[in-house]
């Protein structure tokens, strides 16, 4: 459990102490091991929501979203102080095919392959993630006999 706590702190920093407590309580009551993949999913979703908020502020002030050539770097330093990598060490993906479209924003996820927001890619909105990818939405396992 101590190794899990250290990984979570590295991932979230000191600002994630309350999340750490919630995750530790959930992990101790739900699964015996450290569910780092679930913590990584939560961190990516949190980052994506923060980036989405910054993009909306940018659009409100500038009249449109940044074009793809500027990408998320257009948000610095006025809308975000810095852009972090996703929990798997990759930059967040920002695509905006034309100036009339909304941007596509996601993390490549655990498999680190860009599936355009599909598959195990993490998006800032609702999505059902597979148990195999992020140890979430898993069917309960029953052990023991009748």
C-alpha atoms as a PDB file:
ATOM      1  CA  UNK A   1       0.000   0.000   0.000  1.00  0.00           C
ATOM      2  CA  UNK A   2       2.901   2.392   0.708  1.00  0.00           C
ATOM      3  CA  UNK A   3       4.164   2.019  -2.861  1.00  0.00           C
ATOM      4  CA  UNK A   4       0.681   2.820  -4.103  1.00  0.00           C
ATOM      5  CA  UNK A   5       0.537   5.970  -1.954  1.00  0.00           C
ATOM      6  CA  UNK A   6       3.921   7.086  -3.303  1.00  0.00           C
ATOM      7  CA  UNK A   7       2.782   6.564  -6.916  1.00  0.00           C
ATOM      8  CA  UNK A   8      -0.439   8.486  -6.339  1.00  0.00           C
ATOM      9  CA  UNK A   9       1.440  11.393  -4.727  1.00  0.00           C
ATOM     10  CA  UNK A  10       3.875  11.543  -7.655  1.00  0.00           C
ATOM     11  CA  UNK A  11       0.952  11.534 -10.069  1.00  0.00           C
ATOM     12  CA  UNK A  12      -1.212  14.127  -8.323  1.00  0.00           C
ATOM     13  CA  UNK A  13       1.231  16.138  -6.241  1.00  0.00           C
ATOM     14  CA  UNK A  14       0.343  17.561  -2.857  1.00  0.00           C
ATOM     15  CA  UNK A  15      -2.948  18.972  -4.151  1.00  0.00           C
ATOM     16  CA  UNK A  16      -4.256  15.433  -4.443  1.00  0.00           C
ATOM     17  CA  UNK A  17      -4.098  14.549  -0.737  1.00  0.00           C
ATOM     18  CA  UNK A  18      -7.897  14.494  -0.332  1.00  0.00           C
ATOM     19  CA  UNK A  19      -8.205  12.386  -3.461  1.00  0.00           C
ATOM     20  CA  UNK A  20      -5.508  10.091  -2.108  1.00  0.00           C
ATOM     21  CA  UNK A  21      -7.508   9.524   1.065  1.00  0.00           C
ATOM     22  CA  UNK A  22     -10.678   8.791  -0.928  1.00  0.00           C
ATOM     23  CA  UNK A  23      -8.848   6.434  -3.278  1.00  0.00           C
ATOM     24  CA  UNK A  24      -7.115   4.647  -0.401  1.00  0.00           C
ATOM     25  CA  UNK A  25     -10.438   4.122   1.356  1.00  0.00           C
ATOM     26  CA  UNK A  26     -12.056   2.877  -1.840  1.00  0.00           C
ATOM     27  CA  UNK A  27      -9.153   0.551  -2.613  1.00  0.00           C
ATOM     28  CA  UNK A  28      -9.110  -0.924   0.861  1.00  0.00           C
ATOM     29  CA  UNK A  29     -12.819  -1.674   0.748  1.00  0.00           C
ATOM     30  CA  UNK A  30     -13.095  -2.797  -2.893  1.00  0.00           C
ATOM     31  CA  UNK A  31      -9.905  -4.454  -4.024  1.00  0.00           C
ATOM     32  CA  UNK A  32      -6.888  -5.818  -2.173  1.00  0.00           C
ATOM     33  CA  UNK A  33      -4.254  -4.328  -4.520  1.00  0.00           C
ATOM     34  CA  UNK A  34      -3.266  -0.892  -5.696  1.00  0.00           C
ATOM     35  CA  UNK A  35      -5.458   0.198  -8.573  1.00  0.00           C
ATOM     36  CA  UNK A  36      -3.013   2.592 -10.152  1.00  0.00           C
ATOM     37  CA  UNK A  37      -4.821   2.323 -13.498  1.00  0.00           C
ATOM     38  CA  UNK A  38      -8.000   3.685 -11.909  1.00  0.00           C
ATOM     39  CA  UNK A  39      -6.051   6.580 -10.377  1.00  0.00           C
ATOM     40  CA  UNK A  40      -4.431   7.307 -13.751  1.00  0.00           C
ATOM     41  CA  UNK A  41      -7.870   7.360 -15.405  1.00  0.00           C
ATOM     42  CA  UNK A  42      -9.145   9.795 -12.778  1.00  0.00           C
ATOM     43  CA  UNK A  43      -6.086  12.044 -13.177  1.00  0.00           C
ATOM     44  CA  UNK A  44      -6.427  12.117 -16.972  1.00  0.00           C
ATOM     45  CA  UNK A  45     -10.133  12.968 -16.735  1.00  0.00           C
ATOM     46  CA  UNK A  46      -9.404  15.753 -14.255  1.00  0.00           C
ATOM     47  CA  UNK A  47      -6.687  17.212 -16.502  1.00  0.00           C
ATOM     48  CA  UNK A  48      -8.965  17.000 -19.534  1.00  0.00           C
ATOM     49  CA  UNK A  49     -11.764  18.845 -17.740  1.00  0.00           C
ATOM     50  CA  UNK A  50      -9.319  21.594 -16.730  1.00  0.00           C
ATOM     51  CA  UNK A  51      -8.041  21.878 -20.316  1.00  0.00           C
ATOM     52  CA  UNK A  52     -11.626  21.933 -21.644  1.00  0.00           C
ATOM     53  CA  UNK A  53     -12.453  24.779 -19.267  1.00  0.00           C
ATOM     54  CA  UNK A  54      -9.371  26.695 -20.424  1.00  0.00           C
ATOM     55  CA  UNK A  55     -10.367  26.109 -24.066  1.00  0.00           C
ATOM     56  CA  UNK A  56     -13.852  27.505 -23.393  1.00  0.00           C
ATOM     57  CA  UNK A  57     -12.343  30.610 -21.747  1.00  0.00           C
ATOM     58  CA  UNK A  58     -10.007  31.006 -24.721  1.00  0.00           C
ATOM     59  CA  UNK A  59     -12.953  30.758 -27.132  1.00  0.00           C
ATOM     60  CA  UNK A  60     -14.978  33.280 -25.120  1.00  0.00           C
ATOM     61  CA  UNK A  61     -12.113  35.805 -25.174  1.00  0.00           C
ATOM     62  CA  UNK A  62     -10.627  35.138 -28.624  1.00  0.00           C
ATOM     63  CA  UNK A  63     -13.804  34.317 -30.554  1.00  0.00           C
ATOM     64  CA  UNK A  64     -12.792  30.766 -31.461  1.00  0.00           C
ATOM     65  CA  UNK A  65     -10.760  27.798 -30.315  1.00  0.00           C
ATOM     66  CA  UNK A  66      -7.027  27.679 -31.067  1.00  0.00           C
ATOM     67  CA  UNK A  67      -6.262  26.265 -34.495  1.00  0.00           C
ATOM     68  CA  UNK A  68      -4.504  22.940 -34.670  1.00  0.00           C
ATOM     69  CA  UNK A  69      -1.127  24.462 -35.553  1.00  0.00           C
ATOM     70  CA  UNK A  70      -1.045  26.356 -32.218  1.00  0.00           C
ATOM     71  CA  UNK A  71      -2.738  23.543 -30.339  1.00  0.00           C
ATOM     72  CA  UNK A  72      -2.895  23.614 -26.584  1.00  0.00           C
ATOM     73  CA  UNK A  73       0.226  25.798 -26.406  1.00  0.00           C
ATOM     74  CA  UNK A  74      -2.059  28.725 -27.286  1.00  0.00           C
ATOM     75  CA  UNK A  75      -3.525  28.420 -23.782  1.00  0.00           C
ATOM     76  CA  UNK A  76      -0.252  29.311 -22.051  1.00  0.00           C
ATOM     77  CA  UNK A  77       0.270  31.389 -19.973  1.00  0.00           C
ATOM     78  CA  UNK A  78      -3.050  33.264 -19.948  1.00  0.00           C
ATOM     79  CA  UNK A  79      -5.401  30.286 -19.562  1.00  0.00           C
ATOM     80  CA  UNK A  80      -3.162  27.612 -18.020  1.00  0.00           C
ATOM     81  CA  UNK A  81       0.187  27.994 -16.287  1.00  0.00           C
ATOM     82  CA  UNK A  82       1.584  24.837 -17.824  1.00  0.00           C
ATOM     83  CA  UNK A  83       0.475  21.788 -19.732  1.00  0.00           C
ATOM     84  CA  UNK A  84       1.250  18.526 -18.050  1.00  0.00           C
ATOM     85  CA  UNK A  85       1.699  15.201 -19.744  1.00  0.00           C
ATOM     86  CA  UNK A  86      -0.986  12.593 -19.299  1.00  0.00           C
ATOM     87  CA  UNK A  87      -0.462   9.974 -16.564  1.00  0.00           C
ATOM     88  CA  UNK A  88       1.227   7.667 -19.104  1.00  0.00           C
ATOM     89  CA  UNK A  89       3.817  10.316 -20.042  1.00  0.00           C
ATOM     90  CA  UNK A  90       2.292  11.473 -23.351  1.00  0.00           C
ATOM     91  CA  UNK A  91       0.999  14.889 -24.360  1.00  0.00           C
ATOM     92  CA  UNK A  92      -2.761  15.318 -24.488  1.00  0.00           C
ATOM     93  CA  UNK A  93      -4.134  15.124 -28.020  1.00  0.00           C
ATOM     94  CA  UNK A  94      -5.769  18.242 -29.490  1.00  0.00           C
ATOM     95  CA  UNK A  95      -7.276  18.184 -32.960  1.00  0.00           C
ATOM     96  CA  UNK A  96      -9.320  20.778 -34.741  1.00  0.00           C
ATOM     97  CA  UNK A  97      -9.798  19.801 -38.389  1.00  0.00           C
ATOM     98  CA  UNK A  98     -11.288  23.162 -39.434  1.00  0.00           C
ATOM     99  CA  UNK A  99     -12.237  26.465 -37.869  1.00  0.00           C
ATOM    100  CA  UNK A 100     -15.944  25.599 -37.781  1.00  0.00           C
ATOM    101  CA  UNK A 101     -15.517  22.413 -35.750  1.00  0.00           C
ATOM    102  CA  UNK A 102     -15.210  21.852 -32.045  1.00  0.00           C
ATOM    103  CA  UNK A 103     -11.829  20.495 -31.003  1.00  0.00           C
ATOM    104  CA  UNK A 104     -11.239  16.861 -30.201  1.00  0.00           C
ATOM    105  CA  UNK A 105      -9.363  16.528 -26.917  1.00  0.00           C
ATOM    106  CA  UNK A 106      -8.279  13.269 -25.316  1.00  0.00           C
ATOM    107  CA  UNK A 107      -5.498  11.191 -23.810  1.00  0.00           C
ATOM    108  CA  UNK A 108      -4.195   8.177 -25.682  1.00  0.00           C
ATOM    109  CA  UNK A 109      -4.754   6.208 -22.501  1.00  0.00           C
ATOM    110  CA  UNK A 110      -3.056   3.138 -21.118  1.00  0.00           C
ATOM    111  CA  UNK A 111      -2.208   1.562 -24.477  1.00  0.00           C
ATOM    112  CA  UNK A 112      -0.661   4.887 -25.626  1.00  0.00           C
ATOM    113  CA  UNK A 113      -2.273   4.508 -29.077  1.00  0.00           C
ATOM    114  CA  UNK A 114      -4.350   7.322 -30.535  1.00  0.00           C
ATOM    115  CA  UNK A 115      -7.788   5.880 -31.282  1.00  0.00           C
ATOM    116  CA  UNK A 116      -9.384   9.307 -31.907  1.00  0.00           C
ATOM    117  CA  UNK A 117     -11.099   9.223 -28.520  1.00  0.00           C
ATOM    118  CA  UNK A 118     -12.349   5.645 -28.921  1.00  0.00           C
ATOM    119  CA  UNK A 119     -11.044   2.406 -27.428  1.00  0.00           C
ATOM    120  CA  UNK A 120      -9.195   3.016 -24.184  1.00  0.00           C
ATOM    121  CA  UNK A 121      -8.576   6.707 -24.990  1.00  0.00           C
ATOM    122  CA  UNK A 122      -9.639   8.952 -22.109  1.00  0.00           C
ATOM    123  CA  UNK A 123     -12.052  11.764 -22.970  1.00  0.00           C
ATOM    124  CA  UNK A 124     -13.348  14.664 -20.855  1.00  0.00           C
ATOM    125  CA  UNK A 125     -16.950  13.464 -21.039  1.00  0.00           C
ATOM    126  CA  UNK A 126     -18.929  10.413 -20.042  1.00  0.00           C
ATOM    127  CA  UNK A 127     -17.670   7.094 -21.344  1.00  0.00           C
ATOM    128  CA  UNK A 128     -17.786   3.463 -20.255  1.00  0.00           C
ATOM    129  CA  UNK A 129     -14.218   2.264 -19.696  1.00  0.00           C
ATOM    130  CA  UNK A 130     -13.362  -1.435 -19.729  1.00  0.00           C
ATOM    131  CA  UNK A 131     -12.323  -3.335 -16.641  1.00  0.00           C
ATOM    132  CA  UNK A 132      -9.279  -4.719 -18.484  1.00  0.00           C
ATOM    133  CA  UNK A 133      -8.010  -1.203 -19.217  1.00  0.00           C
ATOM    134  CA  UNK A 134      -8.670   0.723 -16.000  1.00  0.00           C
ATOM    135  CA  UNK A 135      -9.949  -1.682 -13.341  1.00  0.00           C
ATOM    136  CA  UNK A 136     -13.334   0.059 -13.455  1.00  0.00           C
ATOM    137  CA  UNK A 137     -16.797  -1.149 -14.475  1.00  0.00           C
ATOM    138  CA  UNK A 138     -15.720  -4.628 -13.408  1.00  0.00           C
ATOM    139  CA  UNK A 139     -18.201  -7.313 -12.536  1.00  0.00           C
ATOM    140  CA  UNK A 140     -17.900  -8.395  -8.914  1.00  0.00           C
ATOM    141  CA  UNK A 141     -16.037 -11.620  -8.391  1.00  0.00           C
ATOM    142  CA  UNK A 142     -17.551 -14.168  -6.095  1.00  0.00           C
ATOM    143  CA  UNK A 143     -15.296 -16.581  -4.310  1.00  0.00           C
ATOM    144  CA  UNK A 144     -16.104 -19.466  -2.099  1.00  0.00           C
ATOM    145  CA  UNK A 145     -18.594 -22.236  -2.416  1.00  0.00           C
ATOM    146  CA  UNK A 146     -22.240 -22.592  -1.624  1.00  0.00           C
END
